[in-house]
N, C-alpha and C. Protein backbone atom coordinates (compact mmCIF):
# COMPACT_ATOMS: atom_id res chain seq x y z
N UNK A 1 -10.44 5.88 -9.32
CA UNK A 1 -9.98 7.25 -7.82
C UNK A 1 -10.71 6.33 -6.71
N UNK A 2 -11.60 5.77 -5.95
CA UNK A 2 -11.36 4.60 -4.86
C UNK A 2 -10.48 4.20 -4.50
N UNK A 3 -10.23 3.06 -5.93
CA UNK A 3 -9.55 2.36 -6.18
C UNK A 3 -7.89 3.03 -5.11
N UNK A 4 -7.54 3.88 -5.83
CA UNK A 4 -6.36 4.30 -5.55
C UNK A 4 -6.14 5.20 -4.59
N UNK A 5 -7.88 5.46 -3.79
CA UNK A 5 -7.95 5.76 -2.19
C UNK A 5 -7.50 4.52 -0.99
N UNK A 6 -8.24 3.49 -1.91
CA UNK A 6 -8.13 2.03 -0.80
C UNK A 6 -6.96 2.17 -1.37
N UNK A 7 -6.19 1.52 -1.88
CA UNK A 7 -4.79 1.00 -2.05
C UNK A 7 -3.85 1.64 -1.50
N UNK A 8 -3.99 3.10 -1.27
CA UNK A 8 -3.96 4.21 -0.39
C UNK A 8 -3.57 4.02 1.36
N UNK A 9 -4.90 3.48 2.02
CA UNK A 9 -5.36 3.40 2.55
C UNK A 9 -4.70 1.75 3.60
N UNK A 10 -3.90 0.75 2.88
CA UNK A 10 -3.27 -0.28 3.45
C UNK A 10 -1.98 -0.11 3.27
N UNK A 11 -1.87 1.03 3.40
CA UNK A 11 -0.02 1.48 3.07
C UNK A 11 0.13 1.54 4.34
N UNK A 12 1.34 1.62 4.86
CA UNK A 12 1.10 2.37 6.59
C UNK A 12 2.31 3.14 6.08
N UNK A 13 3.58 3.88 4.74
CA UNK A 13 4.72 4.44 4.63
C UNK A 13 4.21 6.01 3.47
N UNK A 14 1.94 5.68 3.41
CA UNK A 14 1.48 6.54 2.82
C UNK A 14 0.40 7.03 3.83
N UNK A 15 0.11 8.50 3.49
CA UNK A 15 -0.75 8.66 4.45
C UNK A 15 -1.85 9.30 3.24
N UNK A 16 -2.99 8.24 3.43
CA UNK A 16 -4.27 8.53 3.02
C UNK A 16 -4.80 9.71 3.04
N UNK A 17 -5.11 9.96 4.15
CA UNK A 17 -5.65 10.92 5.14
C UNK A 17 -4.94 12.29 4.88
N UNK A 18 -3.35 12.38 4.64
CA UNK A 18 -3.13 13.98 3.76
C UNK A 18 -3.13 14.21 2.16
N UNK A 19 -3.37 13.06 1.02
CA UNK A 19 -3.29 12.65 0.19
C UNK A 19 -4.79 12.76 -0.54
N UNK A 20 -4.89 14.12 -1.63
CA UNK A 20 -6.32 14.20 -1.98
C UNK A 20 -6.14 13.63 -3.41
N UNK A 21 -7.13 12.55 -4.19
CA UNK A 21 -7.27 11.66 -4.36
C UNK A 21 -8.24 12.29 -6.06
N UNK A 22 -7.81 12.43 -7.19
CA UNK A 22 -8.71 12.98 -8.32
C UNK A 22 -8.31 12.14 -9.19
N UNK A 23 -10.01 11.98 -10.17
CA UNK A 23 -9.24 10.84 -11.34
C UNK A 23 -9.80 11.63 -12.49
N UNK A 24 -8.92 11.32 -13.91
CA UNK A 24 -9.41 11.92 -15.03
C UNK A 24 -9.20 10.80 -16.16
N UNK A 25 -9.85 9.93 -16.69
CA UNK A 25 -9.62 9.46 -17.95
C UNK A 25 -8.29 8.40 -17.20
N UNK A 26 -8.77 8.04 -16.94
CA UNK A 26 -7.28 7.21 -16.44
C UNK A 26 -6.02 7.75 -15.80
N UNK A 27 -6.20 9.13 -15.40
CA UNK A 27 -5.28 9.94 -15.16
C UNK A 27 -5.54 10.21 -14.00
N UNK A 28 -4.50 10.01 -12.87
CA UNK A 28 -5.18 10.29 -11.53
C UNK A 28 -4.03 11.14 -10.96
N UNK A 29 -5.05 12.48 -10.52
CA UNK A 29 -4.22 13.47 -9.53
C UNK A 29 -3.52 13.63 -8.08
N UNK A 30 -2.89 13.45 -7.26
CA UNK A 30 -2.91 13.34 -6.46
C UNK A 30 -2.02 15.09 -5.54
N UNK A 31 -2.67 15.63 -4.72
CA UNK A 31 -2.21 16.66 -3.83
C UNK A 31 -2.05 16.47 -2.43
N UNK A 32 -1.73 17.18 -1.61
CA UNK A 32 -1.99 16.98 -0.34
C UNK A 32 -0.37 17.09 -0.08
N UNK A 33 -0.21 16.72 1.74
CA UNK A 33 1.44 16.68 2.00
C UNK A 33 1.87 15.69 2.16
N UNK A 34 3.23 15.30 2.24
CA UNK A 34 3.90 14.31 2.02
C UNK A 34 5.13 14.56 2.71
N UNK A 35 5.42 13.59 3.96
CA UNK A 35 6.05 13.54 5.77
C UNK A 35 7.91 13.99 4.59
N UNK A 36 8.05 13.54 3.25
CA UNK A 36 9.11 13.36 2.73
C UNK A 36 8.93 12.65 0.87
N UNK A 37 9.87 13.15 0.17
CA UNK A 37 10.19 13.04 -1.33
C UNK A 37 9.30 11.39 -1.21
N UNK A 38 10.21 9.86 -0.75
CA UNK A 38 10.33 9.22 -0.76
C UNK A 38 9.23 8.73 -0.23
N UNK A 39 8.77 9.34 0.12
CA UNK A 39 6.51 9.22 0.81
C UNK A 39 5.69 9.63 -0.85
N UNK A 40 6.39 10.70 -1.25
CA UNK A 40 5.39 11.23 -2.32
C UNK A 40 5.98 10.19 -3.52
N UNK A 41 7.00 9.83 -4.08
CA UNK A 41 7.63 9.04 -4.87
C UNK A 41 6.69 7.75 -4.63
N UNK A 42 6.79 7.01 -3.27
CA UNK A 42 5.81 5.17 -2.83
C UNK A 42 4.34 5.71 -2.97
N UNK A 43 4.19 6.75 -2.79
CA UNK A 43 2.13 7.17 -3.18
C UNK A 43 2.33 7.22 -5.01
N UNK A 44 2.84 7.46 -5.83
CA UNK A 44 2.84 7.85 -7.00
C UNK A 44 2.95 6.22 -7.79
N UNK A 45 4.20 5.90 -6.62
CA UNK A 45 4.07 3.91 -7.49
C UNK A 45 2.69 3.60 -7.38
N UNK A 46 2.56 3.56 -5.76
CA UNK A 46 1.29 2.85 -5.40
C UNK A 46 0.15 2.87 -6.71
N UNK A 47 0.07 4.16 -6.42
CA UNK A 47 -1.30 4.70 -7.51
C UNK A 47 -1.14 4.28 -8.85
N UNK A 48 0.11 4.18 -9.80
CA UNK A 48 0.22 3.80 -10.59
C UNK A 48 -0.01 1.98 -11.25
N UNK A 49 -0.30 1.21 -9.72
CA UNK A 49 0.10 0.48 -9.55
C UNK A 49 -1.48 -0.25 -9.35
N UNK A 50 -2.63 0.78 -9.31
CA UNK A 50 -4.14 -0.05 -10.02
C UNK A 50 -4.57 -0.37 -11.29
N UNK A 51 -5.31 -1.47 -11.27
CA UNK A 51 -5.95 -0.78 -12.06
C UNK A 51 -6.07 -0.07 -12.73
N UNK A 52 -6.42 0.37 -13.84
CA UNK A 52 -7.17 1.47 -14.66
C UNK A 52 -6.14 2.71 -15.17
N UNK A 53 -5.79 2.54 -13.90
CA UNK A 53 -4.49 4.16 -13.84
C UNK A 53 -3.52 3.98 -15.15
N UNK A 54 -3.50 4.82 -15.85
CA UNK A 54 -2.67 4.89 -16.92
C UNK A 54 -1.98 5.89 -16.65
N UNK A 55 -2.28 7.11 -16.25
CA UNK A 55 -0.75 8.17 -15.66
C UNK A 55 -1.12 8.60 -14.63
N UNK A 56 0.39 9.28 -13.31
CA UNK A 56 -0.33 9.72 -12.20
C UNK A 56 0.26 10.91 -12.50
N UNK A 57 -0.27 12.53 -12.07
CA UNK A 57 0.27 13.17 -11.85
C UNK A 57 0.53 13.28 -9.98
N UNK A 58 1.53 13.91 -10.36
CA UNK A 58 1.80 14.03 -8.17
C UNK A 58 2.32 15.43 -8.20
N UNK A 59 1.34 16.20 -7.75
CA UNK A 59 1.41 17.47 -7.26
C UNK A 59 1.32 17.88 -5.72
N UNK A 60 1.95 16.55 -4.79
CA UNK A 60 1.94 17.18 -3.33
C UNK A 60 3.41 17.75 -2.98
N UNK A 61 3.08 18.08 -1.98
CA UNK A 61 4.00 19.08 -1.32
C UNK A 61 5.24 18.24 -0.62
N UNK A 62 6.15 18.49 -0.53
CA UNK A 62 7.02 18.34 0.89
C UNK A 62 6.95 18.81 1.93
N UNK A 63 6.70 18.23 3.07
CA UNK A 63 6.65 19.22 4.26
C UNK A 63 7.98 19.62 5.11
N UNK A 64 8.60 20.90 5.06
CA UNK A 64 9.71 21.37 5.13
C UNK A 64 10.03 20.60 6.68
N UNK A 65 11.32 20.62 7.33
CA UNK A 65 11.61 19.68 8.55
C UNK A 65 11.62 20.53 9.70
N UNK A 66 11.16 20.69 10.56
CA UNK A 66 10.62 21.57 11.55
C UNK A 66 8.91 21.94 11.33
N UNK A 67 8.64 22.32 10.92
CA UNK A 67 7.12 22.55 10.41
C UNK A 67 6.22 21.84 11.42
N UNK A 68 5.49 22.38 12.21
CA UNK A 68 4.43 21.53 12.72
C UNK A 68 3.59 20.47 12.41
N UNK A 69 2.95 19.40 13.03
CA UNK A 69 2.62 18.92 11.44
C UNK A 69 0.70 19.24 11.79
N UNK A 70 0.28 19.09 10.57
CA UNK A 70 -0.90 19.55 10.16
C UNK A 70 -1.93 18.61 10.77
N UNK A 71 -2.94 19.09 10.70
CA UNK A 71 -4.12 17.87 11.23
C UNK A 71 -4.66 16.90 11.28
N UNK A 72 -4.35 17.23 9.53
CA UNK A 72 -4.85 15.69 8.89
C UNK A 72 -3.99 14.50 9.27
N UNK A 73 -2.15 15.26 9.04
CA UNK A 73 -1.42 14.01 9.47
C UNK A 73 -1.51 13.95 11.25
N UNK A 74 -1.61 14.88 12.20
CA UNK A 74 -2.40 14.26 13.40
C UNK A 74 -3.41 12.86 13.63
N UNK A 75 -4.45 13.37 12.64
CA UNK A 75 -5.40 12.33 12.95
C UNK A 75 -4.70 10.75 12.12
N UNK A 76 -3.68 11.13 10.95
CA UNK A 76 -3.08 10.13 10.60
C UNK A 76 -2.90 8.98 11.53
N UNK A 77 -1.69 10.13 12.20
CA UNK A 77 -0.58 9.20 13.70
C UNK A 77 -1.63 8.46 14.30
N UNK A 78 -3.20 9.39 14.63
CA UNK A 78 -3.54 8.55 15.39
C UNK A 78 -4.74 7.35 15.38
N UNK A 79 -4.77 7.73 13.68
CA UNK A 79 -5.35 6.46 13.10
C UNK A 79 -4.71 4.90 13.30
N UNK A 80 -3.18 5.55 12.72
CA UNK A 80 -1.96 4.94 12.70
C UNK A 80 -2.31 3.64 14.06
N UNK A 81 -1.93 4.18 14.74
CA UNK A 81 -1.93 3.42 16.42
C UNK A 81 -2.87 2.52 16.63
N UNK A 82 -4.68 3.18 16.42
CA UNK A 82 -5.22 2.25 16.65
C UNK A 82 -5.04 0.83 15.32
N UNK A 83 -4.76 1.34 13.47
CA UNK A 83 -4.67 0.38 13.08
C UNK A 83 -3.98 -1.12 13.10
N UNK A 84 -2.29 -0.63 14.09
CA UNK A 84 -1.47 -1.55 14.40
C UNK A 84 -2.51 -2.30 15.10
N UNK A 85 -3.14 -2.01 16.03
CA UNK A 85 -3.73 -3.37 17.11
C UNK A 85 -4.58 -4.48 16.49
N UNK A 86 -4.31 -4.14 15.36
CA UNK A 86 -5.74 -5.31 14.36
C UNK A 86 -5.33 -6.54 14.87
N UNK A 87 -6.05 -7.36 14.24
CA UNK A 87 -5.42 -9.13 14.87
C UNK A 87 -5.15 -9.78 13.35
N UNK A 88 -5.12 -10.76 13.42
CA UNK A 88 -4.23 -11.07 12.25
C UNK A 88 -5.43 -11.86 11.40
N UNK A 89 -6.51 -12.35 11.57
CA UNK A 89 -7.83 -12.52 11.04
C UNK A 89 -7.87 -10.78 9.69
N UNK A 90 -7.51 -9.65 10.81
CA UNK A 90 -7.63 -8.51 9.83
C UNK A 90 -6.49 -7.93 8.98
N UNK A 91 -5.11 -8.71 9.56
CA UNK A 91 -4.25 -8.20 8.90
C UNK A 91 -4.26 -8.98 7.81
N UNK A 92 -4.89 -10.37 7.65
CA UNK A 92 -4.63 -11.26 6.26
C UNK A 92 -5.58 -10.72 5.16
N UNK A 93 -7.14 -10.48 5.98
CA UNK A 93 -8.02 -9.45 4.94
C UNK A 93 -7.31 -8.23 3.95
N UNK A 94 -6.41 -7.74 4.61
CA UNK A 94 -5.63 -6.48 3.85
C UNK A 94 -4.75 -6.57 3.48
N UNK A 95 -3.98 -7.35 3.73
CA UNK A 95 -3.04 -7.60 2.45
C UNK A 95 -3.26 -9.03 1.84
N UNK A 96 -4.53 -9.60 1.60
CA UNK A 96 -5.48 -10.22 0.14
C UNK A 96 -6.07 -8.57 -0.51
N UNK A 97 -6.00 -8.13 0.37
CA UNK A 97 -6.80 -6.51 -0.60
C UNK A 97 -6.12 -6.04 -1.32
N UNK A 98 -4.73 -5.81 -1.09
CA UNK A 98 -3.64 -5.01 -1.11
C UNK A 98 -3.30 -5.95 -2.83
N UNK A 99 -2.98 -7.00 -2.46
CA UNK A 99 -2.63 -7.94 -3.62
C UNK A 99 -3.94 -7.82 -4.73
N UNK A 100 -4.82 -7.62 -4.46
CA UNK A 100 -6.22 -7.82 -5.07
C UNK A 100 -5.90 -6.19 -5.78
N UNK A 101 -6.22 -5.16 -4.79
CA UNK A 101 -6.07 -4.33 -6.71
C UNK A 101 -4.53 -4.16 -6.79
N UNK A 102 -3.59 -4.34 -7.02
CA UNK A 102 -1.92 -3.66 -7.04
C UNK A 102 -2.28 -5.08 -8.93
N UNK A 103 -2.11 -4.54 -10.16
CA UNK A 103 -2.15 -5.55 -11.07
C UNK A 103 -1.13 -6.14 -11.39
N UNK A 104 0.08 -6.20 -10.75
CA UNK A 104 1.27 -6.72 -11.26
C UNK A 104 0.95 -7.66 -9.65
N UNK A 105 0.20 -8.15 -8.64
CA UNK A 105 0.66 -9.03 -8.05
C UNK A 105 -1.34 -10.61 -8.40
N UNK A 106 -1.13 -11.26 -7.79
CA UNK A 106 -2.17 -12.23 -7.92
C UNK A 106 -2.47 -12.50 -6.51
N UNK A 107 -4.08 -12.00 -6.08
CA UNK A 107 -3.86 -12.14 -4.34
C UNK A 107 -5.10 -13.33 -5.08
N UNK A 108 -5.43 -14.14 -6.10
CA UNK A 108 -5.77 -15.55 -6.56
C UNK A 108 -5.21 -16.32 -6.44
N UNK A 109 -3.99 -16.38 -6.40
CA UNK A 109 -2.73 -17.76 -6.68
C UNK A 109 -1.89 -17.04 -5.61
N UNK A 110 -2.58 -16.32 -4.37
CA UNK A 110 -1.13 -16.21 -3.07
C UNK A 110 -2.24 -16.78 -2.06
N UNK A 111 -1.88 -17.53 -1.20
CA UNK A 111 -2.25 -17.81 -0.07
C UNK A 111 -1.72 -16.74 1.22
N UNK A 112 -2.59 -16.23 2.02
CA UNK A 112 -1.92 -15.68 3.41
C UNK A 112 -2.71 -16.60 4.50
N UNK A 113 -1.57 -16.32 5.34
CA UNK A 113 -1.42 -16.67 6.84
C UNK A 113 -1.08 -15.47 7.49
N UNK A 114 -1.74 -15.54 9.09
CA UNK A 114 -1.21 -14.23 9.68
C UNK A 114 -0.76 -15.16 11.08
N UNK A 115 0.16 -15.36 11.53
CA UNK A 115 0.22 -15.10 13.02
C UNK A 115 0.93 -14.12 13.84
N UNK A 116 0.15 -13.70 14.97
CA UNK A 116 0.99 -13.12 15.70
C UNK A 116 1.71 -11.72 14.56
N UNK A 117 0.66 -11.25 13.95
CA UNK A 117 1.39 -10.19 13.02
C UNK A 117 2.57 -10.80 11.76
N UNK A 118 2.52 -11.77 12.02
CA UNK A 118 3.74 -12.53 10.91
C UNK A 118 2.68 -13.63 9.87
N UNK A 119 3.31 -12.52 8.32
CA UNK A 119 2.55 -12.61 7.41
C UNK A 119 2.94 -13.55 6.28
N UNK A 120 2.67 -15.21 6.30
CA UNK A 120 3.26 -15.99 5.50
C UNK A 120 2.90 -16.07 4.13
N UNK A 121 3.24 -16.13 3.42
CA UNK A 121 3.27 -15.70 2.06
C UNK A 121 3.03 -17.40 0.89
N UNK A 122 1.90 -17.74 0.43
CA UNK A 122 2.25 -18.92 -0.07
C UNK A 122 1.62 -18.88 -1.53
N UNK A 123 1.74 -19.57 -2.47
CA UNK A 123 1.49 -20.17 -4.08
C UNK A 123 2.56 -20.11 -4.52
N UNK A 124 1.64 -19.58 -6.28
CA UNK A 124 2.94 -19.15 -7.34
C UNK A 124 2.30 -17.88 -8.05
N UNK A 125 3.92 -17.27 -8.80
CA UNK A 125 4.10 -16.22 -9.26
C UNK A 125 4.29 -16.69 -11.02
N UNK A 126 4.09 -16.13 -11.64
CA UNK A 126 4.95 -15.75 -12.99
C UNK A 126 6.03 -15.31 -12.65
N UNK A 127 6.69 -14.54 -11.67
CA UNK A 127 7.95 -14.50 -11.72
C UNK A 127 8.99 -13.80 -10.58
N UNK A 128 9.98 -13.99 -10.52
CA UNK A 128 10.57 -13.71 -9.42
C UNK A 128 9.95 -11.98 -8.68
N UNK A 129 9.98 -11.15 -10.01
CA UNK A 129 9.44 -9.89 -9.72
C UNK A 129 7.76 -9.81 -9.01
N UNK A 130 8.05 -10.74 -9.35
CA UNK A 130 5.44 -10.52 -8.99
C UNK A 130 5.83 -11.06 -7.06
N UNK A 131 6.34 -11.81 -7.10
CA UNK A 131 6.68 -12.87 -5.97
C UNK A 131 7.54 -11.60 -4.87
N UNK A 132 8.60 -10.44 -5.23
CA UNK A 132 9.16 -9.61 -4.82
C UNK A 132 8.50 -8.74 -4.14
N UNK A 133 6.96 -8.21 -5.61
CA UNK A 133 6.72 -6.85 -5.01
C UNK A 133 5.72 -7.03 -3.92
N UNK A 134 4.68 -8.77 -4.45
CA UNK A 134 4.02 -9.40 -3.46
C UNK A 134 4.09 -9.24 -1.64
N UNK A 135 6.05 -9.67 -2.01
CA UNK A 135 5.86 -9.89 -0.31
C UNK A 135 6.44 -7.99 -0.19
N UNK A 136 6.36 -7.09 -0.36
CA UNK A 136 7.13 -5.48 -0.29
C UNK A 136 5.44 -5.00 0.10
N UNK A 137 4.59 -5.73 -0.96
CA UNK A 137 3.18 -4.77 -0.48
C UNK A 137 2.68 -5.44 0.62
N UNK A 138 3.04 -6.81 1.42
CA UNK A 138 2.23 -7.27 2.33
C UNK A 138 3.33 -6.76 3.50
N UNK A 139 4.57 -6.92 3.81
CA UNK A 139 5.42 -5.52 4.85
C UNK A 139 4.61 -4.23 4.95
N UNK A 140 4.12 -3.91 3.76
CA UNK A 140 3.44 -2.31 4.08
C UNK A 140 1.73 -2.35 4.05
N UNK A 141 1.73 -3.27 4.79
CA UNK A 141 0.28 -3.25 5.23
C UNK A 141 0.50 -3.12 7.08
N UNK A 142 -0.61 -2.16 7.28
CA UNK A 142 -0.35 -1.50 8.86
C UNK A 142 -0.63 -2.88 9.65
N UNK A 143 0.10 -3.70 10.76
CA UNK A 143 -0.15 -4.95 11.74
C UNK A 143 1.03 -5.70 11.82
N UNK A 144 1.33 -5.21 10.19
CA UNK A 144 2.30 -6.48 9.46
C UNK A 144 3.84 -6.71 10.51
N UNK A 145 4.07 -7.60 10.93
CA UNK A 145 5.95 -7.39 11.72
C UNK A 145 6.54 -7.76 10.67
N UNK A 146 6.20 -8.75 10.40
CA UNK A 146 7.32 -9.98 9.10
C UNK A 146 6.79 -10.23 8.18
N UNK A 147 7.19 -10.36 7.23
CA UNK A 147 6.69 -11.56 5.82
C UNK A 147 7.80 -12.00 5.81
N UNK A 148 7.40 -13.36 5.54
CA UNK A 148 7.29 -14.83 4.92
C UNK A 148 6.87 -15.48 3.63
N UNK A 149 7.53 -15.23 2.99
CA UNK A 149 7.45 -15.12 1.47
C UNK A 149 7.68 -16.17 0.83
N UNK A 150 7.18 -17.84 1.19
CA UNK A 150 7.79 -18.67 0.46
C UNK A 150 6.60 -19.00 -0.69
N UNK A 151 6.96 -18.31 -1.89
CA UNK A 151 5.47 -17.85 -2.91
C UNK A 151 7.18 -18.95 -4.11
N UNK A 152 6.24 -19.97 -4.77
CA UNK A 152 6.84 -19.97 -5.86
C UNK A 152 6.92 -19.48 -7.46
N UNK A 153 8.26 -19.54 -7.93
CA UNK A 153 8.26 -18.95 -9.11
C UNK A 153 8.16 -19.85 -9.90
N UNK A 154 6.82 -19.78 -11.09
CA UNK A 154 6.69 -20.97 -12.34
C UNK A 154 7.35 -20.06 -12.90
N UNK A 155 8.04 -20.68 -14.14
CA UNK A 155 8.03 -19.49 -15.90
C UNK A 155 7.69 -20.64 -16.16
N UNK A 156 6.25 -20.21 -17.20
CA UNK A 156 5.01 -20.92 -18.21
C UNK A 156 6.37 -21.15 -19.53
């Protein structure tokens, strides 16, 4: 449960404050409110990629257009403003941690450098999909403006 909640915290396109996470025997249940179906689906995808997660039941509701913003969403919006002002060292740490929490990527084989919000990924990946996924996860971290993904794919 903590790994999933932490993973969601690193991604700007999902709301950790508006999402409740429950865990039992490798099955994660997500509850709360998503801004749209894409955010709901992305929350499921991120949770599924956490090591130890076998299944995800996404019971989140999608807010209707024109509805008043919930207090949790207001807090999330304020938090995102603060998080976007983080420095390059913090962004690097967040990207490394994000890669570490996802079973489909390798934080150990990936070097992360950040300068003015631009993240450069270097290292080796076993597949093109792993390389692309690392770039996608990095680009979704709060404070990242751009990702230069120069990871080399080495097929064994």
